[in-house]
C-alpha atoms as a PDB file:
ATOM      1  CA  UNK A   1     114.812 108.710  92.698  1.00  0.00           C
ATOM      2  CA  UNK A   2     114.260 104.896  91.983  1.00  0.00           C
ATOM      3  CA  UNK A   3     111.376 104.052  89.821  1.00  0.00           C
ATOM      4  CA  UNK A   4     109.467 102.000  92.645  1.00  0.00           C
ATOM      5  CA  UNK A   5     105.921 102.626  93.306  1.00  0.00           C
ATOM      6  CA  UNK A   6     105.319 102.019  97.376  1.00  0.00           C
ATOM      7  CA  UNK A   7     101.367 101.896  96.922  1.00  0.00           C
ATOM      8  CA  UNK A   8     101.233  99.198  93.643  1.00  0.00           C
ATOM      9  CA  UNK A   9     104.956  98.172  93.469  1.00  0.00           C
ATOM     10  CA  UNK A  10     104.956  99.559  89.864  1.00  0.00           C
ATOM     11  CA  UNK A  11     108.556  99.044  88.432  1.00  0.00           C
ATOM     12  CA  UNK A  12     110.467  99.725  85.280  1.00  0.00           C
ATOM     13  CA  UNK A  13     109.254  97.132  82.646  1.00  0.00           C
ATOM     14  CA  UNK A  14     111.988  96.365  80.046  1.00  0.00           C
ATOM     15  CA  UNK A  15     111.583  95.398  76.204  1.00  0.00           C
ATOM     16  CA  UNK A  16     113.625  96.190  72.628  1.00  0.00           C
ATOM     17  CA  UNK A  17     113.121  99.461  71.016  1.00  0.00           C
ATOM     18  CA  UNK A  18     113.182  98.803  67.111  1.00  0.00           C
ATOM     19  CA  UNK A  19     114.346 100.643  64.429  1.00  0.00           C
ATOM     20  CA  UNK A  20     113.064 101.108  60.853  1.00  0.00           C
ATOM     21  CA  UNK A  21     115.889  98.541  59.919  1.00  0.00           C
ATOM     22  CA  UNK A  22     114.420  95.919  62.298  1.00  0.00           C
ATOM     23  CA  UNK A  23     117.606  96.183  64.429  1.00  0.00           C
ATOM     24  CA  UNK A  24     117.088  95.606  68.374  1.00  0.00           C
ATOM     25  CA  UNK A  25     118.281  97.207  71.430  1.00  0.00           C
ATOM     26  CA  UNK A  26     116.963  97.037  74.731  1.00  0.00           C
ATOM     27  CA  UNK A  27     115.083 100.032  76.606  1.00  0.00           C
ATOM     28  CA  UNK A  28     113.285 100.520  79.622  1.00  0.00           C
ATOM     29  CA  UNK A  29     109.537 101.499  80.362  1.00  0.00           C
ATOM     30  CA  UNK A  30     109.654 103.848  83.604  1.00  0.00           C
ATOM     31  CA  UNK A  31     106.653 104.169  85.372  1.00  0.00           C
ATOM     32  CA  UNK A  32     105.201 107.971  85.913  1.00  0.00           C
ATOM     33  CA  UNK A  33     106.507 108.164  89.645  1.00  0.00           C
ATOM     34  CA  UNK A  34     105.864 111.262  91.547  1.00  0.00           C
ATOM     35  CA  UNK A  35     106.470 112.070  95.198  1.00  0.00           C
ATOM     36  CA  UNK A  36     103.844 113.423  96.936  1.00  0.00           C
ATOM     37  CA  UNK A  37     103.313 114.888 100.577  1.00  0.00           C
ATOM     38  CA  UNK A  38     100.210 113.709 102.291  1.00  0.00           C
ATOM     39  CA  UNK A  39      98.535 115.420 105.994  1.00  0.00           C
ATOM     40  CA  UNK A  40      98.380 111.799 107.586  1.00  0.00           C
ATOM     41  CA  UNK A  41      95.854 113.124 110.624  1.00  0.00           C
ATOM     42  CA  UNK A  42      95.919 109.920 112.438  1.00  0.00           C
ATOM     43  CA  UNK A  43      99.525 110.621 113.725  1.00  0.00           C
ATOM     44  CA  UNK A  44      99.314 114.499 112.991  1.00  0.00           C
ATOM     45  CA  UNK A  45     102.178 114.371 110.666  1.00  0.00           C
ATOM     46  CA  UNK A  46     103.346 114.870 106.921  1.00  0.00           C
ATOM     47  CA  UNK A  47     104.371 111.743 104.796  1.00  0.00           C
ATOM     48  CA  UNK A  48     106.149 112.041 101.563  1.00  0.00           C
ATOM     49  CA  UNK A  49     105.650 108.972  99.600  1.00  0.00           C
ATOM     50  CA  UNK A  50     106.697 108.039  96.136  1.00  0.00           C
ATOM     51  CA  UNK A  51     103.620 107.277  93.829  1.00  0.00           C
ATOM     52  CA  UNK A  52     103.048 106.585  90.439  1.00  0.00           C
ATOM     53  CA  UNK A  53     100.712 108.829  89.045  1.00  0.00           C
ATOM     54  CA  UNK A  54      97.441 105.493  89.108  1.00  0.00           C
ATOM     55  CA  UNK A  55      98.328 105.210  92.875  1.00  0.00           C
ATOM     56  CA  UNK A  56      97.567 108.786  93.224  1.00  0.00           C
ATOM     57  CA  UNK A  57      94.395 108.674  91.602  1.00  0.00           C
ATOM     58  CA  UNK A  58      94.261 105.143  94.221  1.00  0.00           C
ATOM     59  CA  UNK A  59      94.884 107.142  97.160  1.00  0.00           C
ATOM     60  CA  UNK A  60      92.244 110.022  96.115  1.00  0.00           C
ATOM     61  CA  UNK A  61      89.553 107.368  96.090  1.00  0.00           C
ATOM     62  CA  UNK A  62      90.695 105.167  99.139  1.00  0.00           C
ATOM     63  CA  UNK A  63      92.222 107.970 101.150  1.00  0.00           C
ATOM     64  CA  UNK A  64      95.964 108.463 102.893  1.00  0.00           C
ATOM     65  CA  UNK A  65      95.134 106.318 106.030  1.00  0.00           C
ATOM     66  CA  UNK A  66      94.020 103.471 104.125  1.00  0.00           C
ATOM     67  CA  UNK A  67      96.618 104.121 101.496  1.00  0.00           C
ATOM     68  CA  UNK A  68      99.625 104.188 104.346  1.00  0.00           C
ATOM     69  CA  UNK A  69      98.001 100.926 105.944  1.00  0.00           C
ATOM     70  CA  UNK A  70      98.318  99.286 102.471  1.00  0.00           C
ATOM     71  CA  UNK A  71     101.814 100.256 101.972  1.00  0.00           C
ATOM     72  CA  UNK A  72     102.949  99.105 105.548  1.00  0.00           C
ATOM     73  CA  UNK A  73     101.391  95.688 104.945  1.00  0.00           C
ATOM     74  CA  UNK A  74     103.442  95.323 102.149  1.00  0.00           C
ATOM     75  CA  UNK A  75     106.297  95.851 104.768  1.00  0.00           C
ATOM     76  CA  UNK A  76     106.875  99.315 103.281  1.00  0.00           C
ATOM     77  CA  UNK A  77     108.187 102.308 105.635  1.00  0.00           C
ATOM     78  CA  UNK A  78     106.272 105.477 105.961  1.00  0.00           C
END
């Protein structure tokens, strides 16, 4: 599963891990990605979305129909 949110577009960030001796090595900051299944009443079917934790809260506020409309507007496949 790729660390990419369908709704917000959150992707991994990159940076450096710094040790006690101040030696720097590369690291990756992954978003908190979850797979969640929602009932899409307008189409009479379930959709499985790959969302970040923040996007799940957004879906709770705006509703799944509006969230799917935003994903499709971004060019995503649902």
